[in-house]
Protein backbone atom coordinates (compact mmCIF):
# COMPACT_ATOMS: atom_id res chain seq x y z
CA MET A 1 4.14 12.32 -28.26
CA ASN A 2 3.27 9.14 -26.35
CA ARG A 3 6.77 7.75 -27.26
CA LEU A 4 8.41 10.83 -25.94
CA ARG A 5 6.36 10.51 -22.68
CA SER A 6 7.34 6.87 -22.30
CA LEU A 7 10.97 7.65 -22.87
CA THR A 8 10.86 10.55 -20.44
CA ARG A 9 9.13 8.37 -17.86
CA GLY A 10 11.66 5.56 -18.33
CA LEU A 11 14.62 7.84 -18.02
CA THR A 12 13.19 9.37 -14.77
CA VAL A 13 12.40 6.00 -13.34
CA GLY A 14 15.89 4.70 -14.20
CA LEU A 15 17.57 7.84 -12.74
CA LEU A 16 15.63 7.46 -9.48
CA THR A 17 16.44 3.75 -9.22
CA ALA A 18 20.12 4.46 -9.84
CA LEU A 19 20.07 7.11 -7.03
CA PHE A 20 18.31 4.74 -4.70
CA LEU A 21 20.68 1.92 -5.35
CA ALA A 22 23.89 4.02 -5.21
CA PRO A 23 24.35 3.83 -1.40
CA PHE A 24 24.02 0.07 -1.57
CA TYR A 25 26.57 -0.04 -4.31
CA LEU A 26 29.01 2.07 -2.35
CA VAL A 27 28.66 -0.15 0.70
CA LEU A 28 29.12 -3.25 -1.10
CA ARG A 29 32.12 -1.85 -3.02
CA GLY A 30 33.70 -0.76 0.18
CA ALA A 31 33.09 -4.11 1.84
CA LEU A 32 35.28 -5.81 -0.92
CA MET A 33 38.21 -3.48 -0.74
CA ASP A 34 41.17 -3.17 1.62
CA SER A 35 42.01 -0.08 3.72
CA ARG A 36 44.57 1.25 1.15
CA SER A 37 42.15 1.09 -1.75
CA LEU A 38 39.36 2.80 0.21
CA THR A 39 41.54 5.68 1.19
CA SER A 40 43.29 6.02 -2.16
CA PRO A 41 42.68 9.37 -4.07
CA HIS A 42 42.13 7.33 -7.20
CA TRP A 43 38.50 6.27 -7.90
CA ALA A 44 37.80 2.73 -8.89
CA TRP A 45 34.30 1.62 -9.72
CA TRP A 46 35.09 -1.94 -8.50
CA PRO A 47 38.02 -3.32 -6.67
CA SER A 48 40.73 -5.01 -8.79
CA THR A 49 41.06 -7.63 -6.09
CA THR A 50 37.95 -8.56 -4.01
CA HIS A 51 38.59 -9.22 -0.39
CA TRP A 52 35.81 -11.59 0.65
CA GLU A 53 37.82 -12.28 3.86
CA ASN A 54 36.41 -8.97 5.21
CA PHE A 55 33.09 -10.86 5.76
CA THR A 56 34.64 -13.87 7.37
CA ALA A 57 36.78 -11.60 9.73
CA LEU A 58 33.46 -10.35 11.14
CA PHE A 59 32.67 -13.66 12.70
CA THR A 60 36.28 -14.84 13.50
CA ASP A 61 37.43 -11.76 15.48
CA PRO A 62 37.05 -12.78 19.29
CA ALA A 63 37.07 -9.13 20.26
CA LEU A 64 34.17 -8.21 18.02
CA HIS A 65 31.50 -10.74 19.14
CA PHE A 66 29.63 -9.98 15.86
CA GLY A 67 27.92 -13.32 15.72
CA GLN A 68 26.45 -12.94 19.12
CA ALA A 69 25.55 -9.30 18.45
CA LEU A 70 23.83 -10.38 15.30
CA ALA A 71 21.79 -13.04 17.18
CA ASN A 72 20.88 -10.56 19.82
CA SER A 73 19.53 -8.10 17.28
CA LEU A 74 17.43 -10.87 15.67
CA LEU A 75 16.11 -12.05 19.06
CA ILE A 76 15.28 -8.40 20.19
CA ALA A 77 13.66 -7.43 16.98
CA GLY A 78 11.90 -10.84 16.67
CA ILE A 79 10.28 -10.26 20.03
CA THR A 80 9.67 -6.54 19.99
CA ALA A 81 7.89 -6.47 16.50
CA PRO A 82 5.12 -9.01 17.21
CA VAL A 83 4.59 -8.21 20.82
CA SER A 84 4.53 -4.49 20.35
CA THR A 85 2.14 -4.84 17.41
CA LEU A 86 -0.31 -7.07 19.18
CA LEU A 87 -0.31 -4.77 22.22
CA ALA A 88 -1.00 -1.71 19.98
CA SER A 89 -3.64 -3.70 18.25
CA ALA A 90 -5.50 -4.58 21.43
CA ALA A 91 -5.19 -1.01 22.81
CA GLY A 92 -6.43 0.40 19.42
CA TYR A 93 -9.45 -1.89 19.46
CA ALA A 94 -10.29 -0.81 23.10
CA PHE A 95 -10.17 2.77 22.14
CA ALA A 96 -12.25 2.32 19.02
CA ARG A 97 -14.96 -0.17 20.26
CA ILE A 98 -15.19 -0.24 24.01
CA PRO A 99 -17.28 2.64 25.43
CA VAL A 100 -15.78 3.27 28.81
CA PRO A 101 -15.87 6.64 30.83
CA GLY A 102 -12.92 8.75 30.20
CA ARG A 103 -11.92 7.03 27.09
CA GLY A 104 -11.44 10.40 25.19
CA VAL A 105 -9.15 11.64 27.98
CA LEU A 106 -6.99 8.45 27.93
CA LEU A 107 -6.72 8.69 24.15
CA THR A 108 -5.68 12.29 24.52
CA LEU A 109 -2.93 11.21 27.03
CA VAL A 110 -1.74 8.56 24.57
CA VAL A 111 -1.54 10.94 21.68
CA ALA A 112 0.22 13.53 23.97
CA THR A 113 3.09 11.09 24.48
CA LEU A 114 3.89 11.42 20.80
CA MET A 115 4.77 15.06 21.54
CA ILE A 116 7.34 14.33 24.25
CA PRO A 117 10.97 14.10 22.99
CA GLY A 118 12.69 10.81 23.58
CA SER A 119 15.46 12.66 25.13
CA VAL A 120 13.16 13.74 28.09
CA THR A 121 12.18 10.19 28.96
CA PHE A 122 15.55 8.58 28.33
CA VAL A 123 17.04 9.06 31.74
CA PRO A 124 13.91 8.16 33.81
CA THR A 125 13.52 5.08 31.68
CA PHE A 126 17.03 4.21 32.30
CA VAL A 127 16.62 4.65 36.08
CA VAL A 128 13.53 2.41 36.14
CA VAL A 129 15.08 -0.34 33.99
CA GLY A 130 18.41 -0.15 35.85
CA SER A 131 16.54 -0.36 39.27
CA LEU A 132 14.88 -3.51 38.09
CA GLY A 133 18.14 -5.01 37.14
CA GLY A 134 17.71 -4.60 33.37
CA VAL A 135 21.36 -3.41 32.67
CA ASN A 136 23.26 -5.80 30.45
CA THR A 137 20.19 -7.96 29.86
CA LEU A 138 18.24 -8.41 26.62
CA TRP A 139 14.93 -7.92 28.41
CA GLY A 140 16.08 -4.40 29.48
CA ILE A 141 16.69 -3.48 25.81
CA ILE A 142 13.28 -5.05 24.82
CA ALA A 143 10.87 -3.76 27.41
CA PRO A 144 10.84 0.02 26.58
CA GLY A 145 10.15 -0.76 22.98
CA LEU A 146 6.91 -2.71 23.48
CA PHE A 147 4.69 0.24 23.74
CA ASN A 148 4.07 2.34 20.64
CA PRO A 149 1.48 5.11 20.95
CA PHE A 150 1.61 5.85 17.19
CA ALA A 151 0.73 2.30 16.39
CA VAL A 152 -2.17 2.53 18.84
CA LEU A 153 -3.44 5.53 17.01
CA LEU A 154 -3.22 3.80 13.64
CA PHE A 155 -4.97 0.65 14.92
CA ARG A 156 -7.81 2.87 16.50
CA ASN A 157 -8.36 4.64 13.19
CA PHE A 158 -8.40 1.28 11.38
CA TYR A 159 -11.00 -0.32 13.76
CA LEU A 160 -13.17 2.75 13.46
CA ARG A 161 -13.40 1.99 9.77
CA LEU A 162 -14.20 -1.63 10.37
CA PRO A 163 -17.85 -2.28 9.53
CA ALA A 164 -19.96 -2.64 12.68
CA GLU A 165 -22.10 -5.39 10.99
CA LEU A 166 -19.31 -7.78 11.39
CA GLU A 167 -19.30 -7.37 15.11
CA GLU A 168 -23.06 -7.49 15.33
CA ALA A 169 -23.06 -10.95 13.63
CA GLY A 170 -20.42 -12.03 16.22
CA ARG A 171 -22.66 -10.89 19.07
CA LEU A 172 -25.51 -13.00 17.69
CA ASP A 173 -23.12 -15.96 17.81
CA GLY A 174 -22.63 -15.14 21.48
CA LEU A 175 -19.16 -13.60 21.29
CA GLY A 176 -17.98 -11.35 24.01
CA ARG A 177 -15.56 -8.39 23.65
CA LEU A 178 -12.49 -10.69 23.69
CA GLY A 179 -14.12 -13.04 21.36
CA LEU A 180 -14.96 -10.22 18.91
CA TYR A 181 -11.47 -8.93 18.95
CA ARG A 182 -9.81 -12.37 18.58
CA ARG A 183 -12.02 -13.84 15.94
CA ILE A 184 -13.17 -10.76 13.95
CA ALA A 185 -11.22 -7.64 14.51
CA LEU A 186 -7.75 -9.16 14.68
CA PRO A 187 -8.05 -11.40 11.61
CA SER A 188 -9.46 -8.42 9.66
CA SER A 189 -6.41 -6.21 10.42
CA GLY A 190 -3.88 -8.51 8.70
CA SER A 191 -2.40 -5.78 6.55
CA MET A 192 -2.09 -3.48 9.51
CA LEU A 193 -0.36 -6.14 11.60
CA ALA A 194 2.19 -6.97 8.81
CA SER A 195 2.92 -3.36 8.00
CA LEU A 196 3.34 -2.12 11.55
CA GLY A 197 5.06 -5.28 12.59
CA ALA A 198 7.64 -4.69 9.71
CA LEU A 199 8.10 -1.10 10.71
CA ALA A 200 8.64 -2.25 14.41
CA PHE A 201 11.16 -4.70 13.32
CA ILE A 202 13.10 -2.21 11.30
CA ASP A 203 12.99 0.38 14.13
CA SER A 204 14.11 -2.12 16.71
CA TRP A 205 16.89 -3.50 14.46
CA ASN A 206 18.28 0.09 13.77
CA ALA A 207 18.16 1.18 17.41
CA PHE A 208 21.45 2.43 18.75
CA LEU A 209 21.43 4.77 21.75
CA TRP A 210 19.22 2.73 24.14
CA PRO A 211 20.98 -0.65 23.45
CA LEU A 212 24.34 1.21 23.76
CA VAL A 213 23.51 2.47 27.25
CA ILE A 214 21.74 -0.74 28.64
CA GLY A 215 23.97 -3.36 26.81
CA GLN A 216 27.31 -2.33 28.27
CA ASP A 217 28.62 -5.86 28.35
CA PRO A 218 29.67 -7.46 24.98
CA SER A 219 27.20 -10.32 25.74
CA ALA A 220 24.38 -7.83 25.35
CA TRP A 221 25.61 -5.91 22.38
CA THR A 222 23.51 -5.64 19.27
CA ALA A 223 24.66 -5.58 15.67
CA GLN A 224 24.62 -1.74 15.57
CA ILE A 225 26.88 -1.62 18.75
CA ALA A 226 29.30 -4.06 17.29
CA LEU A 227 29.55 -1.95 14.11
CA SER A 228 30.41 1.10 16.17
CA THR A 229 33.65 -0.62 17.47
CA PHE A 230 35.14 -0.37 14.04
CA LEU A 231 35.33 3.47 14.58
CA THR A 232 37.34 4.14 17.76
CA ALA A 233 39.70 6.92 18.78
CA GLN A 234 42.55 4.48 18.20
CA THR A 235 41.63 2.58 15.03
CA ILE A 236 39.37 3.01 12.02
CA ASN A 237 38.61 -0.24 10.15
CA LEU A 238 36.60 0.91 7.24
CA PRO A 239 36.65 -2.44 5.30
CA GLY A 240 35.28 -4.14 8.37
CA LEU A 241 32.70 -1.38 8.85
CA PHE A 242 31.34 -1.71 5.29
CA ALA A 243 31.33 -5.52 5.44
CA GLY A 244 29.39 -5.36 8.74
CA ALA A 245 26.98 -2.84 7.25
CA VAL A 246 26.19 -5.23 4.27
CA VAL A 247 25.47 -8.06 6.67
CA THR A 248 23.20 -5.89 8.93
CA ILE A 249 21.35 -4.36 5.92
CA ALA A 250 20.61 -7.70 4.40
CA PRO A 251 17.65 -8.61 6.88
CA LEU A 252 16.16 -5.19 6.47
CA VAL A 253 16.20 -5.49 2.66
CA ALA A 254 14.61 -8.86 2.86
CA MET A 255 11.98 -7.48 5.28
CA PHE A 256 11.16 -4.52 3.03
CA LEU A 257 10.94 -6.69 -0.09
CA ILE A 258 8.53 -9.05 1.64
CA ALA A 259 6.39 -6.43 3.42
CA GLN A 260 6.48 -3.39 1.13
CA ARG A 261 2.96 -4.18 -0.24
CA TYR A 262 1.54 -4.62 3.41
CA ILE A 263 3.15 -1.43 4.49
CA VAL A 264 1.31 0.61 1.80
CA GLU A 265 -1.94 -1.14 2.46
CA GLY A 266 -1.68 -0.70 6.24
CA ILE A 267 -0.96 3.02 6.12
CA THR A 268 -3.77 3.53 3.50
CA GLY A 269 -6.23 1.50 5.65
CA SER A 270 -5.30 3.41 8.86
CA GLY A 271 -7.23 6.31 7.56
CA LEU A 272 -4.11 8.71 7.69
CA LYS A 273 -3.59 8.91 3.92
CA GLY A 274 -3.26 12.43 2.55
């Protein structure tokens, strides 16, 4: 009976793993094929001739600007993730620990912003950023993504669960609010910082519509915008699209493999587990 359970469990895990890895296999397979093989009605598990030049073409095509777009995405996500996470941490600590008049009302307003569809605020945000000269600039892409009300709520729940005795010991040492946050609360929230920082990086890396509207010049393109140029009304470059997808997926896979444990710990520690 135990052997049957182990066999069933192993088969289930293997099937789920295969289903999870299937999209990655299909993308890599398409990246190593040419256009004729990709559109052929005859299925091939692996290309008979691997076309590694699809990857080099990404960085040698002068009209694509893929290298610049990839660097822009790394810069944007590399700034957005830590800054937005630290801002959310500070705000969450203030809501959890600093007793000020109207704190509940302010928290309600922050939570209410989660119920507003992004399509409602898209045009006003564009008008504000555009009036400040943010079109075709990286800071115009970065600025709206620095404020995450959901992360504020998660940090607030985390700091509410933080033992008050830790802060009382800090007060005896003469620490003020800023010192308590910087020396006690912030170091204690390492798992939350890592998990929400990773999620913010992934969200910023995958953003498409806002960078598309703001970054109209090729110098401000992100990797996702560069990928969209493979599918136009005039041409469809499937091998290039698959190759670009492999390159852009790689940083996210690395990020997930590094931060997967912290993501689970952070969500559990936030107090929002089911």
